[in-house]
C-alpha atoms as a PDB file:
ATOM      1  CA  MET A   1      -0.017   0.002   0.010  1.00  0.00           C
ATOM      2  CA  SER A   2       1.378   3.406  -0.967  1.00  0.00           C
ATOM      3  CA  GLN A   3       1.809   6.226   1.535  1.00  0.00           C
ATOM      4  CA  VAL A   4      -1.069   8.225   0.113  1.00  0.00           C
ATOM      5  CA  GLU A   5      -3.286   5.115  -0.018  1.00  0.00           C
ATOM      6  CA  ALA A   6      -2.444   4.484   3.643  1.00  0.00           C
ATOM      7  CA  ARG A   7      -3.301   8.103   4.512  1.00  0.00           C
ATOM      8  CA  LEU A   8      -6.580   7.890   2.630  1.00  0.00           C
ATOM      9  CA  ALA A   9      -7.430   4.717   4.536  1.00  0.00           C
ATOM     10  CA  GLU A  10      -6.503   6.356   7.851  1.00  0.00           C
ATOM     11  CA  LEU A  11      -8.840   9.235   6.988  1.00  0.00           C
ATOM     12  CA  GLY A  12     -11.592   6.892   5.923  1.00  0.00           C
ATOM     13  CA  ILE A  13     -11.535   8.273   2.395  1.00  0.00           C
ATOM     14  CA  GLU A  14     -12.150   6.053  -0.639  1.00  0.00           C
ATOM     15  CA  LEU A  15     -10.906   7.598  -3.851  1.00  0.00           C
ATOM     16  CA  PRO A  16     -13.730   7.565  -6.390  1.00  0.00           C
ATOM     17  CA  SER A  17     -13.535   6.299  -9.942  1.00  0.00           C
ATOM     18  CA  VAL A  18     -12.576   8.867 -12.553  1.00  0.00           C
ATOM     19  CA  VAL A  19     -15.650  10.872 -13.579  1.00  0.00           C
ATOM     20  CA  PRO A  20     -16.176  10.409 -17.345  1.00  0.00           C
ATOM     21  CA  PRO A  21     -16.135  13.707 -19.289  1.00  0.00           C
ATOM     22  CA  VAL A  22     -19.501  15.298 -20.083  1.00  0.00           C
ATOM     23  CA  ALA A  23     -18.181  17.101 -23.173  1.00  0.00           C
ATOM     24  CA  SER A  24     -15.083  17.245 -25.453  1.00  0.00           C
ATOM     25  CA  TYR A  25     -12.157  17.101 -23.010  1.00  0.00           C
ATOM     26  CA  VAL A  26     -10.143  14.666 -20.889  1.00  0.00           C
ATOM     27  CA  PRO A  27     -10.175  14.590 -17.059  1.00  0.00           C
ATOM     28  CA  ALA A  28      -6.429  15.383 -16.726  1.00  0.00           C
ATOM     29  CA  VAL A  29      -3.390  16.246 -18.873  1.00  0.00           C
ATOM     30  CA  VAL A  30       0.306  15.949 -18.090  1.00  0.00           C
ATOM     31  CA  SER A  31       2.641  18.705 -19.275  1.00  0.00           C
ATOM     32  CA  GLY A  32       6.224  18.292 -18.197  1.00  0.00           C
ATOM     33  CA  SER A  33       6.183  17.673 -14.447  1.00  0.00           C
ATOM     34  CA  LEU A  34       2.724  19.154 -13.974  1.00  0.00           C
ATOM     35  CA  VAL A  35      -0.765  17.657 -14.110  1.00  0.00           C
ATOM     36  CA  PHE A  36      -3.692  19.933 -14.945  1.00  0.00           C
ATOM     37  CA  THR A  37      -7.131  18.629 -14.200  1.00  0.00           C
ATOM     38  CA  SER A  38     -10.238  19.668 -15.990  1.00  0.00           C
ATOM     39  CA  GLY A  39     -12.863  21.235 -13.802  1.00  0.00           C
ATOM     40  CA  GLN A  40     -14.306  18.485 -11.600  1.00  0.00           C
ATOM     41  CA  LEU A  41     -17.916  18.550 -10.461  1.00  0.00           C
ATOM     42  CA  PRO A  42     -18.963  16.861  -7.198  1.00  0.00           C
ATOM     43  CA  MET A  43     -20.238  13.792  -8.936  1.00  0.00           C
ATOM     44  CA  VAL A  44     -20.988  10.775  -6.739  1.00  0.00           C
ATOM     45  CA  SER A  45     -21.905   7.516  -8.467  1.00  0.00           C
ATOM     46  CA  GLY A  46     -22.562   9.359 -11.735  1.00  0.00           C
ATOM     47  CA  ALA A  47     -24.850  12.055 -10.322  1.00  0.00           C
ATOM     48  CA  LEU A  48     -24.674  15.450  -8.701  1.00  0.00           C
ATOM     49  CA  PRO A  49     -25.684  15.382  -5.009  1.00  0.00           C
ATOM     50  CA  ALA A  50     -27.362  18.823  -5.402  1.00  0.00           C
ATOM     51  CA  THR A  51     -27.903  21.492  -8.030  1.00  0.00           C
ATOM     52  CA  GLY A  52     -28.387  25.214  -7.919  1.00  0.00           C
ATOM     53  CA  LYS A  53     -26.783  28.333  -6.560  1.00  0.00           C
ATOM     54  CA  VAL A  54     -25.017  28.624  -3.210  1.00  0.00           C
ATOM     55  CA  GLY A  55     -26.401  31.059  -0.658  1.00  0.00           C
ATOM     56  CA  ASP A  56     -28.656  31.597   2.309  1.00  0.00           C
ATOM     57  CA  GLY A  57     -32.359  31.128   1.850  1.00  0.00           C
ATOM     58  CA  HIS A  58     -35.093  28.973   0.469  1.00  0.00           C
ATOM     59  CA  GLY A  59     -34.182  27.041  -2.669  1.00  0.00           C
ATOM     60  CA  LEU A  60     -30.434  27.760  -2.350  1.00  0.00           C
ATOM     61  CA  VAL A  61     -27.620  25.279  -1.597  1.00  0.00           C
ATOM     62  CA  PRO A  62     -26.325  26.002   1.939  1.00  0.00           C
ATOM     63  CA  ALA A  63     -22.633  26.990   2.073  1.00  0.00           C
ATOM     64  CA  ALA A  64     -21.843  24.123   4.467  1.00  0.00           C
ATOM     65  CA  ASP A  65     -23.221  21.589   1.938  1.00  0.00           C
ATOM     66  CA  ALA A  66     -21.333  23.314  -0.883  1.00  0.00           C
ATOM     67  CA  LYS A  67     -18.113  23.015   1.137  1.00  0.00           C
ATOM     68  CA  GLU A  68     -18.642  19.214   1.277  1.00  0.00           C
ATOM     69  CA  TYR A  69     -19.259  19.219  -2.488  1.00  0.00           C
ATOM     70  CA  ALA A  70     -15.990  21.093  -3.060  1.00  0.00           C
ATOM     71  CA  ARG A  71     -14.297  18.381  -1.041  1.00  0.00           C
ATOM     72  CA  GLN A  72     -15.815  15.755  -3.383  1.00  0.00           C
ATOM     73  CA  CYS A  73     -14.620  17.743  -6.384  1.00  0.00           C
ATOM     74  CA  ALA A  74     -11.062  17.618  -5.025  1.00  0.00           C
ATOM     75  CA  LEU A  75     -11.309  13.831  -4.536  1.00  0.00           C
ATOM     76  CA  ASN A  76     -12.579  13.462  -8.119  1.00  0.00           C
ATOM     77  CA  ALA A  77      -9.615  15.559  -9.260  1.00  0.00           C
ATOM     78  CA  LEU A  78      -7.223  13.287  -7.397  1.00  0.00           C
ATOM     79  CA  ALA A  79      -8.754  10.272  -9.137  1.00  0.00           C
ATOM     80  CA  ALA A  80      -8.186  12.012 -12.487  1.00  0.00           C
ATOM     81  CA  ILE A  81      -4.557  12.751 -11.526  1.00  0.00           C
ATOM     82  CA  GLN A  82      -3.987   9.165 -10.445  1.00  0.00           C
ATOM     83  CA  SER A  83      -5.319   7.963 -13.780  1.00  0.00           C
ATOM     84  CA  VAL A  84      -2.534   9.805 -15.678  1.00  0.00           C
ATOM     85  CA  ILE A  85       0.473   9.387 -13.314  1.00  0.00           C
ATOM     86  CA  GLY A  86      -0.335   5.983 -11.740  1.00  0.00           C
ATOM     87  CA  SER A  87       0.287   6.781  -8.068  1.00  0.00           C
ATOM     88  CA  LEU A  88      -0.561   9.813  -5.954  1.00  0.00           C
ATOM     89  CA  ASP A  89       2.705   9.204  -4.108  1.00  0.00           C
ATOM     90  CA  ARG A  90       4.372  10.809  -7.172  1.00  0.00           C
ATOM     91  CA  ILE A  91       2.821  14.180  -6.258  1.00  0.00           C
ATOM     92  CA  THR A  92       5.500  16.546  -5.003  1.00  0.00           C
ATOM     93  CA  GLN A  93       3.326  19.644  -4.549  1.00  0.00           C
ATOM     94  CA  VAL A  94      -0.306  20.676  -4.900  1.00  0.00           C
ATOM     95  CA  VAL A  95       0.443  23.879  -6.833  1.00  0.00           C
ATOM     96  CA  LYS A  96      -2.897  25.557  -7.448  1.00  0.00           C
ATOM     97  CA  VAL A  97      -6.593  25.008  -6.639  1.00  0.00           C
ATOM     98  CA  THR A  98      -9.184  26.947  -8.569  1.00  0.00           C
ATOM     99  CA  GLY A  99     -12.703  26.718  -7.213  1.00  0.00           C
ATOM    100  CA  PHE A 100     -15.820  28.032  -8.878  1.00  0.00           C
ATOM    101  CA  VAL A 101     -18.993  28.561  -6.840  1.00  0.00           C
ATOM    102  CA  ALA A 102     -22.361  29.110  -8.533  1.00  0.00           C
ATOM    103  CA  SER A 103     -23.431  31.995  -6.305  1.00  0.00           C
ATOM    104  CA  ALA A 104     -26.639  33.754  -5.441  1.00  0.00           C
ATOM    105  CA  PRO A 105     -26.197  37.479  -6.131  1.00  0.00           C
ATOM    106  CA  ASP A 106     -25.559  38.397  -2.479  1.00  0.00           C
ATOM    107  CA  PHE A 107     -23.378  35.387  -1.588  1.00  0.00           C
ATOM    108  CA  THR A 108     -19.775  36.303  -0.786  1.00  0.00           C
ATOM    109  CA  GLY A 109     -18.599  33.154   1.023  1.00  0.00           C
ATOM    110  CA  GLN A 110     -16.802  31.547  -1.916  1.00  0.00           C
ATOM    111  CA  PRO A 111     -13.486  31.156   0.026  1.00  0.00           C
ATOM    112  CA  GLY A 112     -15.237  29.188   2.778  1.00  0.00           C
ATOM    113  CA  VAL A 113     -16.834  26.861   0.256  1.00  0.00           C
ATOM    114  CA  VAL A 114     -13.541  26.186  -1.561  1.00  0.00           C
ATOM    115  CA  ASN A 115     -11.960  25.426   1.802  1.00  0.00           C
ATOM    116  CA  GLY A 116     -13.671  22.023   1.403  1.00  0.00           C
ATOM    117  CA  ALA A 117     -11.179  21.228  -1.366  1.00  0.00           C
ATOM    118  CA  SER A 118      -8.189  22.894   0.295  1.00  0.00           C
ATOM    119  CA  ASP A 119      -8.778  21.276   3.657  1.00  0.00           C
ATOM    120  CA  VAL A 120      -8.989  17.713   2.317  1.00  0.00           C
ATOM    121  CA  LEU A 121      -5.817  18.213   0.275  1.00  0.00           C
ATOM    122  CA  GLY A 122      -4.024  19.347   3.429  1.00  0.00           C
ATOM    123  CA  GLU A 123      -5.358  16.373   5.371  1.00  0.00           C
ATOM    124  CA  ILE A 124      -4.144  13.950   2.709  1.00  0.00           C
ATOM    125  CA  PHE A 125      -0.813  15.498   1.724  1.00  0.00           C
ATOM    126  CA  GLY A 126       0.301  17.629   4.657  1.00  0.00           C
ATOM    127  CA  THR A 127       2.807  20.332   3.750  1.00  0.00           C
ATOM    128  CA  ILE A 128       2.886  19.387   0.060  1.00  0.00           C
ATOM    129  CA  GLY A 129      -0.873  19.956   0.027  1.00  0.00           C
ATOM    130  CA  VAL A 130      -0.425  23.662   0.804  1.00  0.00           C
ATOM    131  CA  HIS A 131      -1.225  25.525  -2.427  1.00  0.00           C
ATOM    132  CA  SER A 132      -2.114  28.823  -4.102  1.00  0.00           C
ATOM    133  CA  ARG A 133      -5.789  29.283  -4.786  1.00  0.00           C
ATOM    134  CA  SER A 134      -8.623  31.184  -6.395  1.00  0.00           C
ATOM    135  CA  ALA A 135     -12.217  31.065  -5.200  1.00  0.00           C
ATOM    136  CA  VAL A 136     -14.476  32.549  -7.837  1.00  0.00           C
ATOM    137  CA  GLY A 137     -18.216  33.256  -7.746  1.00  0.00           C
ATOM    138  CA  VAL A 138     -19.989  32.559 -11.042  1.00  0.00           C
ATOM    139  CA  ALA A 139     -23.544  32.791 -12.342  1.00  0.00           C
ATOM    140  CA  VAL A 140     -23.920  29.146 -13.347  1.00  0.00           C
ATOM    141  CA  LEU A 141     -21.839  25.987 -13.747  1.00  0.00           C
ATOM    142  CA  PRO A 142     -22.202  22.899 -15.985  1.00  0.00           C
ATOM    143  CA  MET A 143     -25.224  20.772 -15.167  1.00  0.00           C
ATOM    144  CA  ASP A 144     -26.307  23.451 -12.646  1.00  0.00           C
ATOM    145  CA  SER A 145     -23.604  22.199 -10.248  1.00  0.00           C
ATOM    146  CA  PRO A 146     -23.109  24.351  -7.166  1.00  0.00           C
ATOM    147  CA  VAL A 147     -19.293  23.978  -7.316  1.00  0.00           C
ATOM    148  CA  GLU A 148     -16.454  23.016  -9.635  1.00  0.00           C
ATOM    149  CA  VAL A 149     -12.792  22.576  -8.727  1.00  0.00           C
ATOM    150  CA  GLU A 150      -9.648  22.165 -10.770  1.00  0.00           C
ATOM    151  CA  LEU A 151      -6.148  21.280  -9.583  1.00  0.00           C
ATOM    152  CA  ILE A 152      -2.588  21.750 -10.776  1.00  0.00           C
ATOM    153  CA  VAL A 153      -0.027  19.475  -9.147  1.00  0.00           C
ATOM    154  CA  SER A 154       3.686  18.803  -9.738  1.00  0.00           C
ATOM    155  CA  PHE A 155       4.982  15.272  -9.672  1.00  0.00           C
ATOM    156  CA  ALA A 156       8.222  13.340 -10.002  1.00  0.00           C
END
């Protein structure tokens, strides 16, 4: 068992299968010593756990739920990375996380939502999971997903 696999097991995290693309792209691409993932939705068993905009109020996705969905996005991104480099033990640094949050007009908590992705990467990788980041509010995401996350990692 690899170090990252052991850490995932210790955390009770099962890495999902790679989410198949929903359009004309691939889940991850290697360029030199970097892996760039496509934007990952919080798909679980082929479906979104929720749809809609994030915010406070009736008919909106609560920020706490969206934070969990961002976490799932990061796990889906790790599955995509593993599919192109073989082992997550090859990751030497999580370089950049970009999180998109479909936001109600008055919602400004995008950083807290994207913490769901950042926190799980830190839990799994420790210091090499510390990364630069953007947390961006957007009007709508593919399939009406509340969140989307993409990663850039370096590997050896």
